[in-house]
Amino acid sequence: MTAQDDCLFCKIVAGDIPSTKVYEDDRVLAFNDVSPQMPVHVLIVPKNHYANIADGVPDDLMGHLFNTVGKVAEATGIAEGGFRTLVNTGDDACQTVHHLHVHVLGGEPMNDGSPRRG
């Protein structure tokens, strides 16, 4: 079994695991996060498997992935109020599913996002 065979997001893209779709085209799928951190928390994934943002993603696909952010913000009603876009890369950055995904978060005011040192 390859990493792709066991990839949660590959299974969502294939329709084997249900999701609440926000946007879809031939290259990407955007769906609501099952553990949202904000009132709006959408994940945008490429339909082809890439482990993370540093996994040799073709330039045109990377551009398409990030151009989808605006479409998701419009579709979810957060475009005017503002939103945060985030990509975690690797275990140390809290990437829990090793399939490239862009978080789009919004729907209420946020803190400045600075790391907290305790």
PDB file of N, CA and C in Angstrom:
ATOM      1  N   MET A   1       0.848  -1.187   0.000  1.00  0.00           N
ATOM      2  CA  MET A   1       0.000   0.000   0.000  1.00  0.00           C
ATOM      3  C   MET A   1       0.886   1.240   0.000  1.00  0.00           C
ATOM      4  N   THR A   2       0.623   2.195  -0.912  1.00  0.00           N
ATOM      5  CA  THR A   2       1.395   3.425  -0.968  1.00  0.00           C
ATOM      6  C   THR A   2       0.766   4.475  -0.064  1.00  0.00           C
ATOM      7  N   ALA A   3       1.510   5.545   0.157  1.00  0.00           N
ATOM      8  CA  ALA A   3       0.984   6.648   0.966  1.00  0.00           C
ATOM      9  C   ALA A   3      -0.303   7.188   0.346  1.00  0.00           C
ATOM     10  N   GLN A   4      -0.365   7.209  -0.987  1.00  0.00           N
ATOM     11  CA  GLN A   4      -1.568   7.690  -1.646  1.00  0.00           C
ATOM     12  C   GLN A   4      -2.757   6.774  -1.377  1.00  0.00           C
ATOM     13  N   ASP A   5      -2.523   5.474  -1.319  1.00  0.00           N
ATOM     14  CA  ASP A   5      -3.608   4.531  -1.061  1.00  0.00           C
ATOM     15  C   ASP A   5      -4.208   4.729   0.326  1.00  0.00           C
ATOM     16  N   ASP A   6      -3.389   5.186   1.255  1.00  0.00           N
ATOM     17  CA  ASP A   6      -3.829   5.360   2.632  1.00  0.00           C
ATOM     18  C   ASP A   6      -4.092   6.825   2.976  1.00  0.00           C
ATOM     19  N   CYS A   7      -4.090   7.712   1.979  1.00  0.00           N
ATOM     20  CA  CYS A   7      -4.223   9.153   2.211  1.00  0.00           C
ATOM     21  C   CYS A   7      -5.693   9.546   2.382  1.00  0.00           C
ATOM     22  N   LEU A   8      -5.986  10.159   3.506  1.00  0.00           N
ATOM     23  CA  LEU A   8      -7.344  10.607   3.808  1.00  0.00           C
ATOM     24  C   LEU A   8      -7.877  11.537   2.718  1.00  0.00           C
ATOM     25  N   PHE A   9      -7.067  12.508   2.298  1.00  0.00           N
ATOM     26  CA  PHE A   9      -7.553  13.471   1.311  1.00  0.00           C
ATOM     27  C   PHE A   9      -7.692  12.854  -0.071  1.00  0.00           C
ATOM     28  N   CYS A  10      -6.847  11.891  -0.429  1.00  0.00           N
ATOM     29  CA  CYS A  10      -7.030  11.171  -1.693  1.00  0.00           C
ATOM     30  C   CYS A  10      -8.368  10.422  -1.676  1.00  0.00           C
ATOM     31  N   LYS A  11      -8.731   9.867  -0.525  1.00  0.00           N
ATOM     32  CA  LYS A  11     -10.006   9.163  -0.402  1.00  0.00           C
ATOM     33  C   LYS A  11     -11.181  10.127  -0.505  1.00  0.00           C
ATOM     34  N   ILE A  12     -11.024  11.343   0.037  1.00  0.00           N
ATOM     35  CA  ILE A  12     -12.076  12.355  -0.093  1.00  0.00           C
ATOM     36  C   ILE A  12     -12.210  12.778  -1.552  1.00  0.00           C
ATOM     37  N   VAL A  13     -11.087  13.032  -2.233  1.00  0.00           N
ATOM     38  CA  VAL A  13     -11.112  13.408  -3.650  1.00  0.00           C
ATOM     39  C   VAL A  13     -11.786  12.314  -4.474  1.00  0.00           C
ATOM     40  N   ALA A  14     -11.500  11.055  -4.167  1.00  0.00           N
ATOM     41  CA  ALA A  14     -12.077   9.934  -4.908  1.00  0.00           C
ATOM     42  C   ALA A  14     -13.558   9.719  -4.599  1.00  0.00           C
ATOM     43  N   GLY A  15     -14.070  10.361  -3.551  1.00  0.00           N
ATOM     44  CA  GLY A  15     -15.469  10.186  -3.161  1.00  0.00           C
ATOM     45  C   GLY A  15     -15.689   8.997  -2.246  1.00  0.00           C
ATOM     46  N   ASP A  16     -14.609   8.371  -1.787  1.00  0.00           N
ATOM     47  CA  ASP A  16     -14.730   7.225  -0.889  1.00  0.00           C
ATOM     48  C   ASP A  16     -15.094   7.648   0.536  1.00  0.00           C
ATOM     49  N   ILE A  17     -14.758   8.877   0.880  1.00  0.00           N
ATOM     50  CA  ILE A  17     -15.117   9.458   2.179  1.00  0.00           C
ATOM     51  C   ILE A  17     -15.907  10.716   1.873  1.00  0.00           C
ATOM     52  N   PRO A  18     -17.091  10.878   2.470  1.00  0.00           N
ATOM     53  CA  PRO A  18     -17.908  12.059   2.162  1.00  0.00           C
ATOM     54  C   PRO A  18     -17.287  13.333   2.726  1.00  0.00           C
ATOM     55  N   SER A  19     -17.590  14.438   2.051  1.00  0.00           N
ATOM     56  CA  SER A  19     -17.168  15.751   2.513  1.00  0.00           C
ATOM     57  C   SER A  19     -18.238  16.757   2.116  1.00  0.00           C
ATOM     58  N   THR A  20     -18.185  17.919   2.753  1.00  0.00           N
ATOM     59  CA  THR A  20     -19.073  19.004   2.369  1.00  0.00           C
ATOM     60  C   THR A  20     -18.289  19.913   1.426  1.00  0.00           C
ATOM     61  N   LYS A  21     -18.561  19.765   0.148  1.00  0.00           N
ATOM     62  CA  LYS A  21     -17.820  20.499  -0.877  1.00  0.00           C
ATOM     63  C   LYS A  21     -18.218  21.966  -0.879  1.00  0.00           C
ATOM     64  N   VAL A  22     -17.207  22.805  -1.019  1.00  0.00           N
ATOM     65  CA  VAL A  22     -17.400  24.243  -1.161  1.00  0.00           C
ATOM     66  C   VAL A  22     -17.127  24.666  -2.595  1.00  0.00           C
ATOM     67  N   TYR A  23     -16.148  24.000  -3.224  1.00  0.00           N
ATOM     68  CA  TYR A  23     -15.758  24.319  -4.590  1.00  0.00           C
ATOM     69  C   TYR A  23     -15.062  23.089  -5.173  1.00  0.00           C
ATOM     70  N   GLU A  24     -15.251  22.896  -6.484  1.00  0.00           N
ATOM     71  CA  GLU A  24     -14.545  21.812  -7.156  1.00  0.00           C
ATOM     72  C   GLU A  24     -14.384  22.149  -8.621  1.00  0.00           C
ATOM     73  N   ASP A  25     -13.220  21.803  -9.157  1.00  0.00           N
ATOM     74  CA  ASP A  25     -12.996  21.850 -10.594  1.00  0.00           C
ATOM     75  C   ASP A  25     -12.156  20.630 -10.962  1.00  0.00           C
ATOM     76  N   ASP A  26     -11.597  20.611 -12.145  1.00  0.00           N
ATOM     77  CA  ASP A  26     -10.872  19.420 -12.587  1.00  0.00           C
ATOM     78  C   ASP A  26      -9.530  19.222 -11.888  1.00  0.00           C
ATOM     79  N   ARG A  27      -9.025  20.235 -11.161  1.00  0.00           N
ATOM     80  CA  ARG A  27      -7.697  20.148 -10.548  1.00  0.00           C
ATOM     81  C   ARG A  27      -7.691  20.190  -9.024  1.00  0.00           C
ATOM     82  N   VAL A  28      -8.712  20.809  -8.425  1.00  0.00           N
ATOM     83  CA  VAL A  28      -8.739  20.970  -6.968  1.00  0.00           C
ATOM     84  C   VAL A  28     -10.122  20.678  -6.402  1.00  0.00           C
ATOM     85  N   LEU A  29     -10.129  20.386  -5.121  1.00  0.00           N
ATOM     86  CA  LEU A  29     -11.370  20.206  -4.372  1.00  0.00           C
ATOM     87  C   LEU A  29     -11.242  21.016  -3.095  1.00  0.00           C
ATOM     88  N   ALA A  30     -12.273  21.773  -2.761  1.00  0.00           N
ATOM     89  CA  ALA A  30     -12.325  22.525  -1.505  1.00  0.00           C
ATOM     90  C   ALA A  30     -13.510  22.012  -0.705  1.00  0.00           C
ATOM     91  N   PHE A  31     -13.256  21.734   0.568  1.00  0.00           N
ATOM     92  CA  PHE A  31     -14.301  21.181   1.425  1.00  0.00           C
ATOM     93  C   PHE A  31     -14.134  21.694   2.851  1.00  0.00           C
ATOM     94  N   ASN A  32     -15.220  21.659   3.610  1.00  0.00           N
ATOM     95  CA  ASN A  32     -15.182  22.106   4.992  1.00  0.00           C
ATOM     96  C   ASN A  32     -14.337  21.163   5.844  1.00  0.00           C
ATOM     97  N   ASP A  33     -13.505  21.751   6.715  1.00  0.00           N
ATOM     98  CA  ASP A  33     -12.705  20.974   7.654  1.00  0.00           C
ATOM     99  C   ASP A  33     -13.645  20.323   8.672  1.00  0.00           C
ATOM    100  N   VAL A  34     -13.396  19.068   9.019  1.00  0.00           N
ATOM    101  CA  VAL A  34     -14.254  18.375   9.985  1.00  0.00           C
ATOM    102  C   VAL A  34     -13.986  18.816  11.417  1.00  0.00           C
ATOM    103  N   SER A  35     -12.868  19.503  11.653  1.00  0.00           N
ATOM    104  CA  SER A  35     -12.541  20.047  12.979  1.00  0.00           C
ATOM    105  C   SER A  35     -12.216  21.526  12.830  1.00  0.00           C
ATOM    106  N   PRO A  36     -13.227  22.336  12.534  1.00  0.00           N
ATOM    107  CA  PRO A  36     -12.962  23.745  12.215  1.00  0.00           C
ATOM    108  C   PRO A  36     -12.395  24.529  13.404  1.00  0.00           C
ATOM    109  N   GLN A  37     -11.456  25.408  13.087  1.00  0.00           N
ATOM    110  CA  GLN A  37     -10.841  26.284  14.076  1.00  0.00           C
ATOM    111  C   GLN A  37     -11.458  27.677  14.058  1.00  0.00           C
ATOM    112  N   MET A  38     -12.296  27.948  13.079  1.00  0.00           N
ATOM    113  CA  MET A  38     -12.994  29.225  12.909  1.00  0.00           C
ATOM    114  C   MET A  38     -14.382  28.902  12.358  1.00  0.00           C
ATOM    115  N   PRO A  39     -15.297  29.896  12.375  1.00  0.00           N
ATOM    116  CA  PRO A  39     -16.613  29.640  11.785  1.00  0.00           C
ATOM    117  C   PRO A  39     -16.537  29.156  10.339  1.00  0.00           C
ATOM    118  N   VAL A  40     -15.578  29.686   9.570  1.00  0.00           N
ATOM    119  CA  VAL A  40     -15.318  29.178   8.224  1.00  0.00           C
ATOM    120  C   VAL A  40     -13.923  28.577   8.249  1.00  0.00           C
ATOM    121  N   HIS A  41     -13.818  27.305   7.904  1.00  0.00           N
ATOM    122  CA  HIS A  41     -12.524  26.625   7.841  1.00  0.00           C
ATOM    123  C   HIS A  41     -12.620  25.616   6.702  1.00  0.00           C
ATOM    124  N   VAL A  42     -12.086  26.027   5.562  1.00  0.00           N
ATOM    125  CA  VAL A  42     -12.152  25.224   4.348  1.00  0.00           C
ATOM    126  C   VAL A  42     -10.742  24.769   3.987  1.00  0.00           C
ATOM    127  N   LEU A  43     -10.634  23.552   3.511  1.00  0.00           N
ATOM    128  CA  LEU A  43      -9.380  23.006   3.015  1.00  0.00           C
ATOM    129  C   LEU A  43      -9.457  22.906   1.501  1.00  0.00           C
ATOM    130  N   ILE A  44      -8.412  23.367   0.828  1.00  0.00           N
ATOM    131  CA  ILE A  44      -8.315  23.241  -0.621  1.00  0.00           C
ATOM    132  C   ILE A  44      -7.184  22.265  -0.907  1.00  0.00           C
ATOM    133  N   VAL A  45      -7.481  21.198  -1.644  1.00  0.00           N
ATOM    134  CA  VAL A  45      -6.476  20.182  -1.949  1.00  0.00           C
ATOM    135  C   VAL A  45      -6.383  19.983  -3.457  1.00  0.00           C
ATOM    136  N   PRO A  46      -5.159  19.744  -3.957  1.00  0.00           N
ATOM    137  CA  PRO A  46      -5.065  19.330  -5.348  1.00  0.00           C
ATOM    138  C   PRO A  46      -5.595  17.901  -5.469  1.00  0.00           C
ATOM    139  N   LYS A  47      -6.187  17.582  -6.590  1.00  0.00           N
ATOM    140  CA  LYS A  47      -6.710  16.232  -6.776  1.00  0.00           C
ATOM    141  C   LYS A  47      -5.595  15.206  -6.939  1.00  0.00           C
ATOM    142  N   ASN A  48      -4.453  15.631  -7.435  1.00  0.00           N
ATOM    143  CA  ASN A  48      -3.292  14.748  -7.479  1.00  0.00           C
ATOM    144  C   ASN A  48      -2.570  14.831  -6.144  1.00  0.00           C
ATOM    145  N   HIS A  49      -1.968  13.737  -5.741  1.00  0.00           N
ATOM    146  CA  HIS A  49      -1.312  13.679  -4.439  1.00  0.00           C
ATOM    147  C   HIS A  49       0.072  14.315  -4.466  1.00  0.00           C
ATOM    148  N   TYR A  50       0.274  15.270  -3.584  1.00  0.00           N
ATOM    149  CA  TYR A  50       1.576  15.846  -3.264  1.00  0.00           C
ATOM    150  C   TYR A  50       1.629  15.874  -1.746  1.00  0.00           C
ATOM    151  N   ALA A  51       2.727  15.428  -1.165  1.00  0.00           N
ATOM    152  CA  ALA A  51       2.810  15.325   0.287  1.00  0.00           C
ATOM    153  C   ALA A  51       2.728  16.681   0.972  1.00  0.00           C
ATOM    154  N   ASN A  52       3.322  17.694   0.353  1.00  0.00           N
ATOM    155  CA  ASN A  52       3.310  19.031   0.964  1.00  0.00           C
ATOM    156  C   ASN A  52       3.710  20.059  -0.091  1.00  0.00           C
ATOM    157  N   ILE A  53       3.823  21.293   0.311  1.00  0.00           N
ATOM    158  CA  ILE A  53       4.095  22.394  -0.619  1.00  0.00           C
ATOM    159  C   ILE A  53       5.488  22.298  -1.247  1.00  0.00           C
ATOM    160  N   ALA A  54       6.387  21.527  -0.632  1.00  0.00           N
ATOM    161  CA  ALA A  54       7.756  21.385  -1.132  1.00  0.00           C
ATOM    162  C   ALA A  54       7.973  20.085  -1.912  1.00  0.00           C
ATOM    163  N   ASP A  55       6.883  19.450  -2.342  1.00  0.00           N
ATOM    164  CA  ASP A  55       6.945  18.135  -2.978  1.00  0.00           C
ATOM    165  C   ASP A  55       6.937  18.203  -4.509  1.00  0.00           C
ATOM    166  N   GLY A  56       7.559  19.222  -5.073  1.00  0.00           N
ATOM    167  CA  GLY A  56       7.657  19.303  -6.531  1.00  0.00           C
ATOM    168  C   GLY A  56       6.349  19.604  -7.231  1.00  0.00           C
ATOM    169  N   VAL A  57       5.502  20.386  -6.610  1.00  0.00           N
ATOM    170  CA  VAL A  57       4.212  20.739  -7.201  1.00  0.00           C
ATOM    171  C   VAL A  57       4.463  21.626  -8.425  1.00  0.00           C
ATOM    172  N   PRO A  58       3.898  21.280  -9.585  1.00  0.00           N
ATOM    173  CA  PRO A  58       4.098  22.111 -10.777  1.00  0.00           C
ATOM    174  C   PRO A  58       3.618  23.548 -10.545  1.00  0.00           C
ATOM    175  N   ASP A  59       4.328  24.497 -11.122  1.00  0.00           N
ATOM    176  CA  ASP A  59       4.008  25.911 -10.932  1.00  0.00           C
ATOM    177  C   ASP A  59       2.563  26.235 -11.288  1.00  0.00           C
ATOM    178  N   ASP A  60       2.084  25.690 -12.408  1.00  0.00           N
ATOM    179  CA  ASP A  60       0.721  26.015 -12.817  1.00  0.00           C
ATOM    180  C   ASP A  60      -0.308  25.473 -11.829  1.00  0.00           C
ATOM    181  N   LEU A  61      -0.048  24.316 -11.248  1.00  0.00           N
ATOM    182  CA  LEU A  61      -0.973  23.782 -10.248  1.00  0.00           C
ATOM    183  C   LEU A  61      -0.909  24.602  -8.967  1.00  0.00           C
ATOM    184  N   MET A  62       0.290  25.021  -8.565  1.00  0.00           N
ATOM    185  CA  MET A  62       0.415  25.840  -7.356  1.00  0.00           C
ATOM    186  C   MET A  62      -0.348  27.150  -7.533  1.00  0.00           C
ATOM    187  N   GLY A  63      -0.193  27.765  -8.697  1.00  0.00           N
ATOM    188  CA  GLY A  63      -0.944  28.986  -8.970  1.00  0.00           C
ATOM    189  C   GLY A  63      -2.437  28.753  -8.940  1.00  0.00           C
ATOM    190  N   HIS A  64      -2.879  27.671  -9.526  1.00  0.00           N
ATOM    191  CA  HIS A  64      -4.299  27.343  -9.552  1.00  0.00           C
ATOM    192  C   HIS A  64      -4.833  27.110  -8.133  1.00  0.00           C
ATOM    193  N   LEU A  65      -4.047  26.397  -7.339  1.00  0.00           N
ATOM    194  CA  LEU A  65      -4.429  26.123  -5.951  1.00  0.00           C
ATOM    195  C   LEU A  65      -4.655  27.431  -5.197  1.00  0.00           C
ATOM    196  N   PHE A  66      -3.721  28.360  -5.321  1.00  0.00           N
ATOM    197  CA  PHE A  66      -3.845  29.626  -4.596  1.00  0.00           C
ATOM    198  C   PHE A  66      -4.855  30.567  -5.236  1.00  0.00           C
ATOM    199  N   ASN A  67      -5.085  30.477  -6.530  1.00  0.00           N
ATOM    200  CA  ASN A  67      -6.151  31.273  -7.147  1.00  0.00           C
ATOM    201  C   ASN A  67      -7.525  30.805  -6.684  1.00  0.00           C
ATOM    202  N   THR A  68      -7.619  29.571  -6.252  1.00  0.00           N
ATOM    203  CA  THR A  68      -8.884  29.039  -5.746  1.00  0.00           C
ATOM    204  C   THR A  68      -9.250  29.658  -4.396  1.00  0.00           C
ATOM    205  N   VAL A  69      -8.267  30.157  -3.664  1.00  0.00           N
ATOM    206  CA  VAL A  69      -8.529  30.757  -2.353  1.00  0.00           C
ATOM    207  C   VAL A  69      -9.580  31.853  -2.460  1.00  0.00           C
ATOM    208  N   GLY A  70      -9.447  32.746  -3.425  1.00  0.00           N
ATOM    209  CA  GLY A  70     -10.418  33.826  -3.597  1.00  0.00           C
ATOM    210  C   GLY A  70     -11.810  33.316  -3.910  1.00  0.00           C
ATOM    211  N   LYS A  71     -11.892  32.272  -4.706  1.00  0.00           N
ATOM    212  CA  LYS A  71     -13.190  31.682  -5.029  1.00  0.00           C
ATOM    213  C   LYS A  71     -13.851  31.105  -3.786  1.00  0.00           C
ATOM    214  N   VAL A  72     -13.051  30.461  -2.940  1.00  0.00           N
ATOM    215  CA  VAL A  72     -13.572  29.895  -1.693  1.00  0.00           C
ATOM    216  C   VAL A  72     -14.012  31.016  -0.751  1.00  0.00           C
ATOM    217  N   ALA A  73     -13.219  32.078  -0.657  1.00  0.00           N
ATOM    218  CA  ALA A  73     -13.584  33.205   0.202  1.00  0.00           C
ATOM    219  C   ALA A  73     -14.900  33.830  -0.249  1.00  0.00           C
ATOM    220  N   GLU A  74     -15.076  33.981  -1.552  1.00  0.00           N
ATOM    221  CA  GLU A  74     -16.341  34.510  -2.083  1.00  0.00           C
ATOM    222  C   GLU A  74     -17.497  33.563  -1.773  1.00  0.00           C
ATOM    223  N   ALA A  75     -17.297  32.284  -2.032  1.00  0.00           N
ATOM    224  CA  ALA A  75     -18.368  31.291  -1.844  1.00  0.00           C
ATOM    225  C   ALA A  75     -18.809  31.176  -0.392  1.00  0.00           C
ATOM    226  N   THR A  76     -17.907  31.432   0.531  1.00  0.00           N
ATOM    227  CA  THR A  76     -18.230  31.284   1.953  1.00  0.00           C
ATOM    228  C   THR A  76     -18.579  32.609   2.620  1.00  0.00           C
ATOM    229  N   GLY A  77     -18.532  33.710   1.873  1.00  0.00           N
ATOM    230  CA  GLY A  77     -18.931  35.008   2.407  1.00  0.00           C
ATOM    231  C   GLY A  77     -17.890  35.705   3.270  1.00  0.00           C
ATOM    232  N   ILE A  78     -16.620  35.306   3.188  1.00  0.00           N
ATOM    233  CA  ILE A  78     -15.594  35.929   4.035  1.00  0.00           C
ATOM    234  C   ILE A  78     -14.654  36.842   3.254  1.00  0.00           C
ATOM    235  N   ALA A  79     -14.899  37.019   1.967  1.00  0.00           N
ATOM    236  CA  ALA A  79     -13.969  37.779   1.130  1.00  0.00           C
ATOM    237  C   ALA A  79     -13.831  39.234   1.585  1.00  0.00           C
ATOM    238  N   GLU A  80     -14.927  39.881   1.923  1.00  0.00           N
ATOM    239  CA  GLU A  80     -14.880  41.299   2.281  1.00  0.00           C
ATOM    240  C   GLU A  80     -14.352  41.543   3.683  1.00  0.00           C
ATOM    241  N   GLY A  81     -14.683  40.678   4.625  1.00  0.00           N
ATOM    242  CA  GLY A  81     -14.273  40.890   6.013  1.00  0.00           C
ATOM    243  C   GLY A  81     -12.834  40.510   6.278  1.00  0.00           C
ATOM    244  N   GLY A  82     -12.279  39.690   5.429  1.00  0.00           N
ATOM    245  CA  GLY A  82     -10.904  39.236   5.592  1.00  0.00           C
ATOM    246  C   GLY A  82     -10.835  37.787   6.024  1.00  0.00           C
ATOM    247  N   PHE A  83      -9.700  37.173   5.732  1.00  0.00           N
ATOM    248  CA  PHE A  83      -9.517  35.759   6.039  1.00  0.00           C
ATOM    249  C   PHE A  83      -8.035  35.466   6.117  1.00  0.00           C
ATOM    250  N   ARG A  84      -7.712  34.315   6.643  1.00  0.00           N
ATOM    251  CA  ARG A  84      -6.323  33.862   6.740  1.00  0.00           C
ATOM    252  C   ARG A  84      -6.152  32.639   5.857  1.00  0.00           C
ATOM    253  N   THR A  85      -5.008  32.584   5.174  1.00  0.00           N
ATOM    254  CA  THR A  85      -4.643  31.440   4.346  1.00  0.00           C
ATOM    255  C   THR A  85      -3.382  30.839   4.946  1.00  0.00           C
ATOM    256  N   LEU A  86      -3.379  29.523   5.131  1.00  0.00           N
ATOM    257  CA  LEU A  86      -2.295  28.873   5.845  1.00  0.00           C
ATOM    258  C   LEU A  86      -1.972  27.531   5.199  1.00  0.00           C
ATOM    259  N   VAL A  87      -0.668  27.225   5.116  1.00  0.00           N
ATOM    260  CA  VAL A  87      -0.221  25.916   4.652  1.00  0.00           C
ATOM    261  C   VAL A  87       0.790  25.390   5.658  1.00  0.00           C
ATOM    262  N   ASN A  88       0.479  24.281   6.296  1.00  0.00           N
ATOM    263  CA  ASN A  88       1.421  23.616   7.197  1.00  0.00           C
ATOM    264  C   ASN A  88       2.243  22.627   6.381  1.00  0.00           C
ATOM    265  N   THR A  89       3.550  22.577   6.645  1.00  0.00           N
ATOM    266  CA  THR A  89       4.429  21.692   5.889  1.00  0.00           C
ATOM    267  C   THR A  89       5.287  20.885   6.854  1.00  0.00           C
ATOM    268  N   GLY A  90       4.975  19.609   6.979  1.00  0.00           N
ATOM    269  CA  GLY A  90       5.759  18.711   7.831  1.00  0.00           C
ATOM    270  C   GLY A  90       5.230  18.594   9.247  1.00  0.00           C
ATOM    271  N   ASP A  91       5.707  17.568   9.918  1.00  0.00           N
ATOM    272  CA  ASP A  91       5.253  17.272  11.276  1.00  0.00           C
ATOM    273  C   ASP A  91       5.523  18.409  12.256  1.00  0.00           C
ATOM    274  N   ASP A  92       6.689  19.044  12.161  1.00  0.00           N
ATOM    275  CA  ASP A  92       7.022  20.123  13.098  1.00  0.00           C
ATOM    276  C   ASP A  92       6.113  21.331  12.932  1.00  0.00           C
ATOM    277  N   ALA A  93       5.460  21.435  11.796  1.00  0.00           N
ATOM    278  CA  ALA A  93       4.537  22.542  11.536  1.00  0.00           C
ATOM    279  C   ALA A  93       3.082  22.110  11.707  1.00  0.00           C
ATOM    280  N   CYS A  94       2.870  20.957  12.326  1.00  0.00           N
ATOM    281  CA  CYS A  94       1.528  20.443  12.629  1.00  0.00           C
ATOM    282  C   CYS A  94       0.744  20.010  11.393  1.00  0.00           C
ATOM    283  N   GLN A  95       1.443  19.564  10.341  1.00  0.00           N
ATOM    284  CA  GLN A  95       0.738  18.978   9.203  1.00  0.00           C
ATOM    285  C   GLN A  95       0.326  17.571   9.606  1.00  0.00           C
ATOM    286  N   THR A  96      -0.971  17.358   9.759  1.00  0.00           N
ATOM    287  CA  THR A  96      -1.450  16.057  10.228  1.00  0.00           C
ATOM    288  C   THR A  96      -1.845  15.124   9.091  1.00  0.00           C
ATOM    289  N   VAL A  97      -2.232  15.684   7.945  1.00  0.00           N
ATOM    290  CA  VAL A  97      -2.519  14.880   6.761  1.00  0.00           C
ATOM    291  C   VAL A  97      -1.462  15.255   5.731  1.00  0.00           C
ATOM    292  N   HIS A  98      -0.688  14.280   5.312  1.00  0.00           N
ATOM    293  CA  HIS A  98       0.435  14.548   4.418  1.00  0.00           C
ATOM    294  C   HIS A  98       0.010  14.484   2.954  1.00  0.00           C
ATOM    295  N   HIS A  99      -0.912  15.385   2.647  1.00  0.00           N
ATOM    296  CA  HIS A  99      -1.383  15.678   1.293  1.00  0.00           C
ATOM    297  C   HIS A  99      -1.496  17.200   1.294  1.00  0.00           C
ATOM    298  N   LEU A 100      -0.811  17.856   0.382  1.00  0.00           N
ATOM    299  CA  LEU A 100      -0.826  19.320   0.340  1.00  0.00           C
ATOM    300  C   LEU A 100      -2.246  19.841   0.489  1.00  0.00           C
ATOM    301  N   HIS A 101      -2.428  20.781   1.411  1.00  0.00           N
ATOM    302  CA  HIS A 101      -3.719  21.432   1.558  1.00  0.00           C
ATOM    303  C   HIS A 101      -3.546  22.849   2.065  1.00  0.00           C
ATOM    304  N   VAL A 102      -4.411  23.723   1.585  1.00  0.00           N
ATOM    305  CA  VAL A 102      -4.427  25.128   1.967  1.00  0.00           C
ATOM    306  C   VAL A 102      -5.641  25.332   2.858  1.00  0.00           C
ATOM    307  N   HIS A 103      -5.401  25.875   4.053  1.00  0.00           N
ATOM    308  CA  HIS A 103      -6.490  26.231   4.961  1.00  0.00           C
ATOM    309  C   HIS A 103      -6.961  27.647   4.620  1.00  0.00           C
ATOM    310  N   VAL A 104      -8.253  27.849   4.537  1.00  0.00           N
ATOM    311  CA  VAL A 104      -8.850  29.174   4.398  1.00  0.00           C
ATOM    312  C   VAL A 104      -9.735  29.345   5.621  1.00  0.00           C
ATOM    313  N   LEU A 105      -9.376  30.316   6.472  1.00  0.00           N
ATOM    314  CA  LEU A 105     -10.053  30.500   7.753  1.00  0.00           C
ATOM    315  C   LEU A 105     -10.612  31.913   7.862  1.00  0.00           C
ATOM    316  N   GLY A 106     -11.794  32.033   8.431  1.00  0.00           N
ATOM    317  CA  GLY A 106     -12.387  33.350   8.628  1.00  0.00           C
ATOM    318  C   GLY A 106     -13.744  33.244   9.276  1.00  0.00           C
ATOM    319  N   GLY A 107     -14.471  34.342   9.189  1.00  0.00           N
ATOM    320  CA  GLY A 107     -15.821  34.369   9.736  1.00  0.00           C
ATOM    321  C   GLY A 107     -15.941  35.101  11.045  1.00  0.00           C
ATOM    322  N   GLU A 108     -14.805  35.475  11.646  1.00  0.00           N
ATOM    323  CA  GLU A 108     -14.798  36.302  12.858  1.00  0.00           C
ATOM    324  C   GLU A 108     -13.408  36.913  12.998  1.00  0.00           C
ATOM    325  N   PRO A 109     -13.281  37.991  13.790  1.00  0.00           N
ATOM    326  CA  PRO A 109     -11.955  38.599  13.977  1.00  0.00           C
ATOM    327  C   PRO A 109     -10.971  37.611  14.593  1.00  0.00           C
ATOM    328  N   MET A 110      -9.706  37.754  14.206  1.00  0.00           N
ATOM    329  CA  MET A 110      -8.645  36.862  14.684  1.00  0.00           C
ATOM    330  C   MET A 110      -7.599  37.657  15.448  1.00  0.00           C
ATOM    331  N   ASN A 111      -6.738  36.910  16.185  1.00  0.00           N
ATOM    332  CA  ASN A 111      -5.568  37.559  16.758  1.00  0.00           C
ATOM    333  C   ASN A 111      -4.540  37.732  15.649  1.00  0.00           C
ATOM    334  N   ASP A 112      -3.372  38.277  15.974  1.00  0.00           N
ATOM    335  CA  ASP A 112      -2.386  38.562  14.936  1.00  0.00           C
ATOM    336  C   ASP A 112      -1.648  37.346  14.423  1.00  0.00           C
ATOM    337  N   GLY A 113      -1.871  36.181  15.025  1.00  0.00           N
ATOM    338  CA  GLY A 113      -1.257  34.949  14.547  1.00  0.00           C
ATOM    339  C   GLY A 113       0.163  34.737  14.988  1.00  0.00           C
ATOM    340  N   SER A 114       0.663  35.598  15.865  1.00  0.00           N
ATOM    341  CA  SER A 114       2.036  35.436  16.335  1.00  0.00           C
ATOM    342  C   SER A 114       2.172  34.169  17.163  1.00  0.00           C
ATOM    343  N   PRO A 115       3.302  33.483  17.005  1.00  0.00           N
ATOM    344  CA  PRO A 115       3.526  32.304  17.858  1.00  0.00           C
ATOM    345  C   PRO A 115       3.561  32.717  19.326  1.00  0.00           C
ATOM    346  N   ARG A 116       3.002  31.886  20.157  1.00  0.00           N
ATOM    347  CA  ARG A 116       2.997  32.158  21.595  1.00  0.00           C
ATOM    348  C   ARG A 116       4.092  31.350  22.247  1.00  0.00           C
ATOM    349  N   ARG A 117       4.936  31.996  22.991  1.00  0.00           N
ATOM    350  CA  ARG A 117       6.017  31.322  23.727  1.00  0.00           C
ATOM    351  C   ARG A 117       5.650  31.328  25.193  1.00  0.00           C
ATOM    352  N   GLY A 118       5.735  30.163  25.826  1.00  0.00           N
ATOM    353  CA  GLY A 118       5.278  30.074  27.204  1.00  0.00           C
ATOM    354  C   GLY A 118       6.301  29.974  28.217  1.00  0.00           C
TER     355      GLY A 118
END
